[in-house]
Protein backbone atom coordinates (compact mmCIF):
# COMPACT_ATOMS: atom_id res chain seq x y z
CA MET A 1 -4.12 -121.66 -159.93
CA ARG A 2 -1.53 -123.49 -158.80
CA THR A 3 -0.25 -124.18 -161.83
CA VAL A 4 -0.60 -120.06 -162.34
CA ALA A 5 2.11 -119.26 -159.23
CA SER A 6 4.07 -122.46 -160.49
CA SER A 7 4.54 -120.42 -163.80
CA VAL A 8 5.26 -117.69 -161.25
CA LEU A 9 7.96 -118.43 -159.53
CA ALA A 10 9.34 -120.47 -162.39
CA LYS A 11 10.07 -117.49 -164.62
CA ARG A 12 11.11 -115.34 -160.85
CA ALA A 13 13.80 -118.98 -160.24
CA MET A 14 14.70 -117.60 -163.92
CA LEU A 15 15.91 -114.18 -163.97
CA ARG A 16 17.47 -114.98 -160.63
CA GLY A 17 19.53 -117.15 -162.61
CA TYR A 18 20.18 -114.87 -165.77
CA TRP A 19 21.27 -112.29 -163.10
CA CYS A 20 23.36 -114.40 -161.25
CA VAL A 21 24.84 -115.68 -164.01
CA ARG A 22 25.30 -111.81 -166.38
CA GLN A 23 26.08 -109.69 -164.14
CA LYS A 24 29.91 -110.23 -163.31
CA ARG A 25 32.37 -107.83 -161.47
CA PRO A 26 35.85 -108.08 -162.00
CA VAL A 27 37.48 -110.21 -158.59
CA GLY A 28 39.12 -107.83 -156.62
CA VAL A 29 36.31 -105.88 -156.52
CA VAL A 30 33.64 -109.03 -155.50
CA ALA A 31 37.29 -108.92 -152.10
CA VAL A 32 36.63 -106.08 -151.72
CA VAL A 33 33.01 -106.16 -151.24
CA ALA A 34 32.91 -109.27 -149.15
CA ALA A 35 35.78 -108.01 -146.52
CA CYS A 36 33.07 -104.88 -146.13
CA VAL A 37 30.59 -106.62 -145.61
CA LEU A 38 32.35 -109.37 -142.88
CA VAL A 39 33.56 -105.87 -141.11
CA LEU A 40 30.26 -104.59 -141.02
CA SER A 41 28.53 -107.62 -140.35
CA SER A 42 30.79 -107.93 -136.94
CA CYS A 43 30.31 -104.28 -135.65
CA SER A 44 26.34 -105.11 -136.55
CA THR A 45 26.70 -107.93 -133.74
CA THR A 46 29.11 -105.88 -131.44
CA GLN A 47 26.21 -103.09 -130.96
CA ASN A 48 23.33 -104.52 -131.73
CA SER A 49 22.44 -107.26 -128.19
CA SER A 50 18.45 -107.84 -129.02
CA PRO A 51 16.94 -111.73 -130.03
CA PRO A 52 16.87 -112.39 -133.20
CA THR A 53 13.80 -112.77 -135.24
CA GLN A 54 11.56 -116.48 -133.07
CA PRO A 55 9.83 -118.43 -136.12
CA ALA A 56 5.68 -117.25 -135.93
CA THR A 57 3.73 -120.89 -134.89
CA GLY A 58 0.91 -122.27 -133.94
CA GLY A 59 -1.43 -120.89 -136.48
CA GLN A 60 -4.60 -122.59 -137.63
CA ILE A 61 -5.56 -124.12 -141.24
CA THR A 62 -9.41 -122.64 -140.73
CA PRO A 63 -12.24 -123.64 -143.95
CA LEU A 64 -13.23 -120.25 -143.59
CA LEU A 65 -11.93 -116.41 -143.22
CA GLU A 66 -14.16 -114.05 -140.78
CA SER A 67 -14.48 -110.05 -140.96
CA THR A 68 -17.73 -108.00 -140.58
CA LEU A 69 -18.82 -105.48 -142.60
CA SER A 70 -18.68 -102.65 -140.18
CA ALA A 71 -18.24 -101.68 -136.01
CA PRO A 72 -20.43 -103.90 -133.60
CA ARG A 73 -22.59 -101.15 -132.84
CA TRP A 74 -25.18 -100.92 -129.65
CA PHE A 75 -28.67 -99.93 -128.69
CA THR A 76 -30.90 -100.34 -125.98
CA GLY A 77 -34.60 -101.97 -127.36
CA THR A 78 -38.20 -101.35 -125.90
CA ASP A 79 -37.20 -104.63 -123.56
CA GLY A 80 -34.72 -102.86 -121.34
CA ARG A 81 -31.48 -104.24 -123.12
CA ALA A 82 -28.15 -103.54 -125.11
CA HIS A 83 -28.07 -104.88 -128.53
CA LEU A 84 -25.29 -105.80 -130.42
CA VAL A 85 -25.83 -106.02 -133.51
CA TYR A 86 -23.07 -106.44 -136.74
CA GLU A 87 -22.66 -108.96 -139.40
CA LEU A 88 -20.52 -111.70 -139.31
CA MET A 89 -18.92 -112.83 -142.90
CA LEU A 90 -17.62 -116.38 -143.79
CA THR A 91 -16.00 -116.60 -146.62
CA ASN A 92 -15.49 -121.09 -147.62
CA VAL A 93 -12.51 -121.31 -148.63
CA VAL A 94 -11.47 -125.26 -149.32
CA PRO A 95 -12.69 -127.32 -152.25
CA ALA A 96 -16.11 -128.03 -150.62
CA ALA A 97 -18.92 -127.80 -149.21
CA VAL A 98 -18.92 -126.57 -145.04
CA THR A 99 -21.28 -126.81 -142.86
CA LEU A 100 -22.28 -124.61 -139.44
CA ALA A 101 -22.57 -126.10 -136.86
CA ALA A 102 -22.23 -123.18 -134.41
CA VAL A 103 -21.15 -120.22 -133.99
CA GLU A 104 -20.13 -118.48 -130.50
CA VAL A 105 -19.33 -115.09 -130.30
CA LEU A 106 -17.42 -113.91 -126.97
CA SER A 107 -15.81 -111.07 -125.18
CA ALA A 108 -12.10 -110.45 -126.03
CA ASP A 109 -10.93 -109.63 -122.52
CA SER A 110 -12.59 -112.57 -119.62
CA GLY A 111 -13.52 -115.22 -122.63
CA SER A 112 -17.35 -115.20 -121.61
CA THR A 113 -19.88 -116.30 -124.02
CA LEU A 114 -21.90 -113.79 -125.18
CA ILE A 115 -24.15 -115.97 -127.33
CA ARG A 116 -23.52 -119.58 -129.03
CA LEU A 117 -26.13 -120.45 -132.30
CA THR A 118 -26.63 -123.81 -132.70
CA GLY A 119 -28.89 -126.15 -135.17
CA ASP A 120 -32.28 -123.96 -136.47
CA SER A 121 -31.46 -121.01 -134.29
CA LEU A 122 -28.11 -120.69 -136.54
CA ARG A 123 -29.82 -121.28 -139.11
CA ALA A 124 -32.35 -118.97 -138.88
CA ALA A 125 -29.42 -116.23 -138.31
CA THR A 126 -27.91 -117.65 -141.58
CA SER A 127 -27.85 -116.59 -145.01
CA LEU A 128 -25.68 -116.25 -148.54
CA VAL A 129 -24.36 -113.45 -148.60
CA ALA A 130 -26.67 -112.55 -151.95
CA SER A 131 -29.38 -114.68 -151.12
CA PRO A 132 -30.15 -113.03 -147.60
CA ASP A 133 -34.00 -113.40 -148.33
CA THR A 134 -33.14 -117.54 -147.75
CA PRO A 135 -32.04 -118.80 -144.58
CA THR A 136 -29.31 -121.81 -144.39
CA ALA A 137 -26.31 -123.06 -142.42
CA GLU A 138 -24.86 -125.06 -145.43
CA LEU A 139 -22.19 -122.46 -147.49
CA PRO A 140 -20.65 -123.94 -150.86
CA SER A 141 -17.27 -123.27 -151.65
CA SER A 142 -15.62 -120.66 -152.51
CA SER A 143 -18.94 -118.90 -151.69
CA VAL A 144 -20.08 -115.85 -148.60
CA GLY A 145 -21.89 -116.43 -145.76
CA VAL A 146 -23.37 -113.78 -143.45
CA VAL A 147 -24.38 -114.77 -139.56
CA TRP A 148 -26.31 -111.73 -138.75
CA LEU A 149 -25.87 -111.19 -135.49
CA ASP A 150 -28.99 -109.27 -132.88
CA ILE A 151 -27.04 -110.06 -129.41
CA PRO A 152 -29.33 -109.23 -126.21
CA LEU A 153 -27.04 -108.42 -123.24
CA ASP A 154 -29.38 -108.96 -120.50
CA GLY A 155 -27.59 -106.43 -118.63
CA SER A 156 -23.97 -107.02 -119.27
CA ALA A 157 -21.57 -104.03 -120.02
CA VAL A 158 -21.24 -103.51 -124.04
CA PRO A 159 -17.36 -105.18 -124.36
CA PRO A 160 -14.44 -103.06 -125.48
CA ALA A 161 -13.66 -106.16 -128.14
CA ILE A 162 -15.48 -109.91 -129.18
CA THR A 163 -13.65 -113.02 -130.42
CA HIS A 164 -15.86 -115.04 -132.73
CA ARG A 165 -15.48 -119.05 -131.97
CA VAL A 166 -16.72 -121.02 -135.42
CA THR A 167 -17.25 -124.88 -135.52
CA ILE A 168 -18.30 -126.59 -139.05
CA ASP A 169 -19.15 -130.31 -139.65
CA PRO A 170 -16.23 -132.85 -141.07
CA LEU A 171 -16.42 -132.01 -144.48
CA ALA A 172 -17.37 -135.18 -146.94
CA GLY A 173 -14.18 -136.03 -149.10
CA SER A 174 -10.89 -134.87 -148.98
CA THR A 175 -9.80 -131.54 -149.15
CA PRO A 176 -6.09 -130.51 -150.44
CA PHE A 177 -5.32 -129.16 -146.68
CA SER A 178 -3.76 -131.14 -143.94
CA GLY A 179 -4.74 -130.88 -140.07
CA LEU A 180 -7.70 -128.66 -140.74
CA SER A 181 -9.88 -127.06 -138.46
CA LEU A 182 -12.84 -128.27 -137.48
CA THR A 183 -13.90 -125.63 -134.69
CA PHE A 184 -11.33 -121.76 -134.49
CA THR A 185 -11.73 -119.08 -132.69
CA GLY A 186 -11.12 -115.94 -135.53
CA PRO A 187 -8.57 -112.14 -134.65
CA ALA A 188 -10.60 -110.22 -131.59
CA VAL A 189 -13.48 -107.32 -133.04
CA GLN A 190 -13.22 -103.88 -132.05
CA VAL A 191 -17.31 -102.95 -130.64
CA ASP A 192 -18.07 -98.85 -130.62
CA GLN A 193 -19.03 -98.48 -127.51
CA ARG A 194 -20.27 -95.26 -128.28
CA PRO A 195 -23.73 -94.37 -127.08
CA PRO A 196 -26.20 -94.20 -130.12
CA VAL A 197 -27.65 -90.72 -130.55
CA VAL A 198 -30.93 -89.12 -128.68
CA VAL A 199 -33.45 -87.82 -131.52
CA GLY A 200 -37.11 -86.61 -131.26
CA ALA A 201 -39.66 -88.09 -133.50
CA PRO A 202 -39.86 -87.72 -136.71
CA LEU A 203 -44.12 -88.00 -135.66
CA ALA A 204 -47.07 -87.24 -134.04
CA GLY A 205 -49.77 -88.88 -132.91
CA PRO A 206 -51.49 -92.90 -131.75
CA ALA A 207 -51.17 -95.58 -133.35
CA TRP A 208 -47.78 -96.16 -134.71
CA ALA A 209 -46.59 -99.25 -136.16
CA ALA A 210 -42.88 -99.81 -135.78
CA LEU A 211 -42.76 -101.78 -138.65
CA GLY A 212 -39.50 -103.93 -140.35
CA SER A 213 -37.93 -102.30 -137.29
CA CYS A 214 -33.88 -104.28 -135.66
CA CYS A 215 -33.13 -106.22 -135.76
CA ASP A 216 -34.17 -109.16 -138.34
CA GLY A 217 -36.59 -107.91 -141.36
CA PRO A 218 -36.25 -106.68 -144.29
CA HIS A 219 -34.26 -103.92 -143.45
CA ARG A 220 -31.71 -105.22 -141.69
CA ARG A 221 -30.91 -107.72 -144.64
CA ALA A 222 -30.40 -105.44 -147.46
CA PRO A 223 -27.02 -105.31 -147.80
CA PHE A 224 -25.72 -102.90 -151.68
CA PRO A 225 -22.57 -104.01 -153.25
CA ILE A 226 -20.76 -100.56 -154.32
CA ASP A 227 -18.05 -99.72 -155.28
CA GLY A 228 -16.54 -103.10 -154.81
CA ARG A 229 -18.33 -103.10 -151.32
CA TRP A 230 -21.18 -104.13 -148.75
CA TYR A 231 -23.24 -100.98 -147.35
CA ILE A 232 -26.24 -101.96 -145.54
CA ALA A 233 -27.72 -98.40 -145.33
CA GLN A 234 -30.81 -99.70 -143.52
CA ARG A 235 -29.34 -101.14 -140.01
CA PHE A 236 -31.56 -99.78 -138.39
CA ALA A 237 -34.46 -98.46 -140.10
CA ILE A 238 -37.31 -98.45 -139.37
CA ASP A 239 -40.95 -98.26 -141.76
CA PHE A 240 -43.23 -96.43 -139.33
CA ASN A 241 -47.57 -97.49 -140.80
CA GLN A 242 -50.08 -95.91 -138.19
CA LEU A 243 -53.52 -97.48 -137.87
CA ASP A 244 -56.85 -96.26 -137.45
CA ALA A 245 -58.84 -96.25 -134.10
CA GLN A 246 -59.99 -99.89 -134.92
CA ASN A 247 -56.10 -100.81 -135.58
CA ARG A 248 -57.00 -101.02 -138.81
CA PRO A 249 -53.63 -99.99 -141.28
CA GLY A 250 -57.19 -98.50 -143.56
CA VAL A 251 -60.47 -98.37 -144.96
CA GLY A 252 -61.18 -98.53 -148.43
CA ASP A 253 -59.45 -99.39 -151.47
CA PRO A 254 -56.62 -101.37 -150.62
CA LEU A 255 -54.03 -100.00 -153.58
CA SER A 256 -54.74 -96.27 -153.05
CA PRO A 257 -52.68 -94.32 -150.74
CA SER A 258 -55.27 -92.05 -149.46
CA SER A 259 -56.53 -95.47 -148.10
CA PHE A 260 -54.32 -95.04 -145.43
CA PRO A 261 -53.93 -93.31 -142.26
CA THR A 262 -50.46 -93.08 -142.94
CA PHE A 263 -50.70 -90.91 -146.08
CA GLY A 264 -50.27 -87.29 -145.46
CA GLN A 265 -48.75 -87.37 -142.27
CA PRO A 266 -46.61 -84.38 -141.23
CA VAL A 267 -42.57 -85.39 -141.06
CA TYR A 268 -40.55 -83.53 -138.34
CA ALA A 269 -36.89 -82.84 -137.95
CA VAL A 270 -36.12 -84.92 -135.33
CA ALA A 271 -32.22 -82.59 -134.78
CA ASP A 272 -31.02 -79.98 -135.37
CA GLY A 273 -29.34 -79.46 -137.88
CA THR A 274 -28.67 -78.46 -141.66
CA VAL A 275 -30.82 -80.01 -144.82
CA VAL A 276 -27.88 -81.11 -146.89
CA GLU A 277 -30.48 -83.13 -149.79
CA ALA A 278 -34.02 -82.84 -150.33
CA VAL A 279 -35.76 -84.64 -154.04
CA ASP A 280 -38.98 -84.43 -154.94
CA GLY A 281 -40.89 -84.34 -157.42
CA ASN A 282 -41.27 -88.24 -157.67
CA PRO A 283 -45.25 -89.94 -157.71
CA ASP A 284 -46.87 -90.82 -155.01
CA LEU A 285 -47.14 -95.09 -156.49
CA ARG A 286 -50.17 -97.35 -156.15
CA VAL A 287 -49.66 -99.97 -153.74
CA GLY A 288 -48.10 -102.86 -156.21
CA GLU A 289 -47.71 -100.80 -158.54
CA ALA A 290 -43.80 -100.54 -160.87
CA ARG A 291 -40.81 -98.63 -159.94
CA GLU A 292 -37.75 -97.82 -161.41
CA GLU A 293 -35.02 -100.55 -159.77
CA PRO A 294 -33.00 -99.12 -156.32
CA THR A 295 -29.51 -97.27 -156.94
CA PRO A 296 -27.88 -94.65 -154.87
CA ASP A 297 -29.41 -92.18 -156.64
CA ASN A 298 -33.39 -92.49 -156.40
CA ALA A 299 -33.44 -94.85 -153.67
CA GLY A 300 -36.55 -93.66 -151.26
CA GLY A 301 -38.31 -91.70 -153.68
CA ASN A 302 -38.93 -88.39 -152.47
CA ARG A 303 -36.66 -87.80 -149.53
CA VAL A 304 -34.81 -85.26 -147.27
CA VAL A 305 -31.34 -86.05 -145.01
CA ILE A 306 -30.10 -83.79 -142.48
CA ASP A 307 -26.28 -83.77 -140.95
CA ILE A 308 -27.21 -83.29 -137.49
CA GLY A 309 -23.49 -83.16 -136.50
CA ASP A 310 -20.69 -85.68 -135.36
CA GLY A 311 -20.63 -87.62 -138.26
CA ARG A 312 -24.72 -88.63 -138.51
CA PHE A 313 -27.84 -88.08 -141.24
CA ALA A 314 -31.23 -88.74 -140.13
CA VAL A 315 -33.30 -90.01 -143.21
CA TYR A 316 -36.00 -90.24 -144.89
CA ALA A 317 -37.93 -91.50 -146.76
CA HIS A 318 -40.80 -92.12 -149.27
CA LEU A 319 -42.34 -88.55 -148.97
CA HIS A 320 -45.54 -87.23 -150.13
CA LYS A 321 -45.01 -85.34 -154.11
CA GLY A 322 -44.94 -81.39 -153.65
CA SER A 323 -45.22 -81.79 -149.82
CA ILE A 324 -41.37 -80.72 -148.68
CA SER A 325 -41.21 -77.52 -147.40
CA ALA A 326 -36.91 -77.88 -146.70
CA HIS A 327 -33.82 -77.14 -149.26
CA PRO A 328 -30.28 -78.03 -149.49
CA GLY A 329 -28.47 -75.81 -147.36
CA ASP A 330 -31.66 -75.37 -145.14
CA ARG A 331 -30.81 -74.68 -140.49
CA VAL A 332 -33.59 -76.88 -139.18
CA SER A 333 -35.07 -76.91 -135.82
CA ARG A 334 -35.84 -79.85 -134.18
CA GLY A 335 -39.44 -80.29 -134.27
CA ARG A 336 -39.49 -78.12 -137.51
CA HIS A 337 -42.62 -79.84 -140.27
CA ILE A 338 -40.21 -80.95 -143.12
CA ALA A 339 -42.09 -82.81 -145.33
CA ASP A 340 -45.23 -85.42 -145.50
CA VAL A 341 -45.77 -88.55 -145.55
CA GLY A 342 -46.28 -90.47 -148.90
CA SER A 343 -45.66 -93.80 -151.48
CA SER A 344 -43.34 -92.44 -153.12
CA GLY A 345 -40.58 -94.24 -154.74
CA THR A 346 -42.33 -97.80 -152.46
CA THR A 347 -44.72 -100.36 -154.16
CA GLY A 348 -45.81 -101.69 -150.26
CA GLY A 349 -48.15 -98.81 -149.43
CA PRO A 350 -47.70 -95.20 -148.31
CA HIS A 351 -44.99 -95.37 -144.52
CA LEU A 352 -42.33 -93.25 -143.19
CA HIS A 353 -38.86 -94.83 -144.27
CA PHE A 354 -36.28 -93.67 -141.20
CA GLN A 355 -32.81 -93.88 -140.63
CA MET A 356 -29.75 -93.45 -139.75
CA THR A 357 -26.83 -93.20 -141.58
CA ASP A 358 -22.76 -92.45 -141.30
CA ARG A 359 -23.52 -90.49 -144.56
CA PRO A 360 -26.17 -88.64 -146.66
CA SER A 361 -27.35 -91.78 -148.63
CA VAL A 362 -30.71 -94.30 -147.68
CA VAL A 363 -28.21 -96.95 -149.29
CA TYR A 364 -24.37 -95.27 -150.16
CA ALA A 365 -24.34 -95.27 -146.59
CA ASP A 366 -22.95 -96.98 -143.04
CA GLY A 367 -26.81 -97.42 -141.07
CA ILE A 368 -26.12 -96.59 -137.42
CA PRO A 369 -28.09 -97.29 -134.55
CA TYR A 370 -30.44 -93.97 -133.30
CA VAL A 371 -33.11 -93.99 -129.59
CA PHE A 372 -35.57 -91.71 -129.56
CA TYR A 373 -35.98 -89.43 -126.40
CA GLU A 374 -39.82 -90.47 -125.77
CA PHE A 375 -42.12 -92.69 -126.52
CA GLU A 376 -45.50 -94.13 -125.48
CA LEU A 377 -45.46 -97.68 -126.40
CA THR A 378 -48.70 -98.78 -126.14
CA GLY A 379 -48.58 -102.37 -127.65
CA ARG A 380 -47.06 -104.46 -129.82
CA THR A 381 -48.37 -106.30 -133.42
CA PRO A 382 -48.34 -109.86 -134.29
CA PRO A 383 -44.93 -111.41 -135.88
CA LEU A 384 -44.47 -109.25 -139.69
CA ALA A 385 -44.59 -112.55 -141.48
CA ASP A 386 -48.19 -112.08 -140.60
CA VAL A 387 -48.74 -109.01 -140.70
CA LEU A 388 -48.64 -107.87 -143.60
CA LYS A 389 -52.20 -109.93 -144.47
CA TYR A 390 -53.67 -107.12 -143.41
CA TYR A 391 -52.37 -104.95 -145.31
CA ASP A 392 -54.87 -106.58 -148.28
CA THR A 393 -57.42 -107.07 -146.39
CA LEU A 394 -57.53 -103.60 -144.21
CA GLU A 395 -59.01 -105.49 -141.25
CA PRO A 396 -57.13 -105.04 -138.06
CA ILE A 397 -54.65 -106.01 -136.14
CA PRO A 398 -54.51 -107.71 -133.78
CA ILE A 399 -52.10 -105.93 -130.48
CA SER A 400 -51.51 -106.87 -127.67
CA THR A 401 -51.65 -104.85 -124.62
CA ALA A 402 -48.52 -106.62 -122.57
CA ASP A 403 -46.04 -104.50 -120.90
CA THR A 404 -47.00 -100.76 -122.42
CA GLY A 405 -45.72 -97.99 -120.74
CA ALA A 406 -43.54 -94.91 -121.62
CA HIS A 407 -39.96 -95.47 -122.88
CA ARG A 408 -37.01 -92.98 -123.36
CA ASP A 409 -33.83 -93.72 -124.84
CA GLN A 410 -35.21 -96.31 -126.44
CA LEU A 411 -34.78 -97.66 -130.23
CA PRO A 412 -38.55 -99.38 -130.98
CA LEU A 413 -37.92 -102.88 -131.71
CA GLY A 414 -40.23 -104.56 -134.64
CA ARG A 415 -43.93 -105.65 -133.13
CA ASP A 416 -43.86 -102.06 -131.57
CA VAL A 417 -46.47 -99.77 -131.58
CA LEU A 418 -45.64 -96.01 -129.77
CA THR A 419 -47.56 -93.08 -129.15
CA PHE A 420 -45.13 -90.09 -130.26
CA PRO A 421 -45.72 -86.90 -128.24
CA ALA A 422 -47.51 -84.07 -129.75
CA VAL A 423 -44.71 -81.37 -131.62
CA ASN A 424 -44.88 -77.99 -131.23
CA GLY A 425 -48.51 -78.49 -129.02
CA GLY A 426 -50.72 -80.30 -131.06
CA GLY A 427 -47.72 -81.71 -134.05
């Protein structure tokens, strides 16, 4: 790159010299122009008394460039805490691998530390953007890493802006930069302080496991590169799976959609709005059956998208073939039965994939937070990695019943099992 840059500069210098030699004017004209310049300069000095611009000083040479994928946003979870959720992108710009030692998030106003990640916690929260499921704190040269941040605020107010203080280990070998900073603080990032939208239940009845909910599951780490930038439409998505009275995910053939109590359950509009997309006709797939590679045009299989206003879209995916009763342009009211749960477009068995986005797409959008008006927390499953085996064996899932009860204006977290109220007198 230095060779190319030097060549460009040399050509520019040559051209400047060329014009200096070839573009000559008569001496008298030059004298007149010079006199005018002197007069104008004198007038300008007399009339403008503002101090001269000072040179910029104090910048640090940093090994990483930082940015955020979208504005940090918040919601209140069933733990009673506000969660600030976003992705910190770190681009390694030195010709050597960089190992992260610490990432701190600070309030830009007070300077107080909101979270500090080091060691195993930092490694678990970090990956390369192209390998989101592989934790690592080492960023190869010219690579882009992501710190997938979920910051519980523990009762403190949502800050209007935040900064990031990043520390790296000393680099191995030499770099072309002198005075490289091993600890640096990036520019302030504005936080979206608007409260999450409050919506009704997309389902009814008991024993709905909120699998993959925020904030560190397969949905959160599902970036799509579209039109030259990253999108995470599923940042706050939930896969709702219903358990039976014995806490089993199903009974019978574990590959058949009809073996799961989730299959065929009614799905409801979470708010008043206008249907902007309704796609039907895709088959309900057996567990593990091959599917089309997801694209912006087909992701989600059979799906419905409802514009609920203020730039928010409720997205329902993997719906049962032939069950969709809402059509583009329809006005729907909260609680209207719009479809049934299916397994279209997914190899993971029947479930309702629900999310809220800033545009009408399953993947070509930015995921935004939401909370449910009311539900009852009835238990918690083990972590997702431990739960998945029960969907193969259909054995009862061990459910913890500590800290259960009614919740309002909150988002279920990844291990929660809940009961939604009946819809229209019986759902």
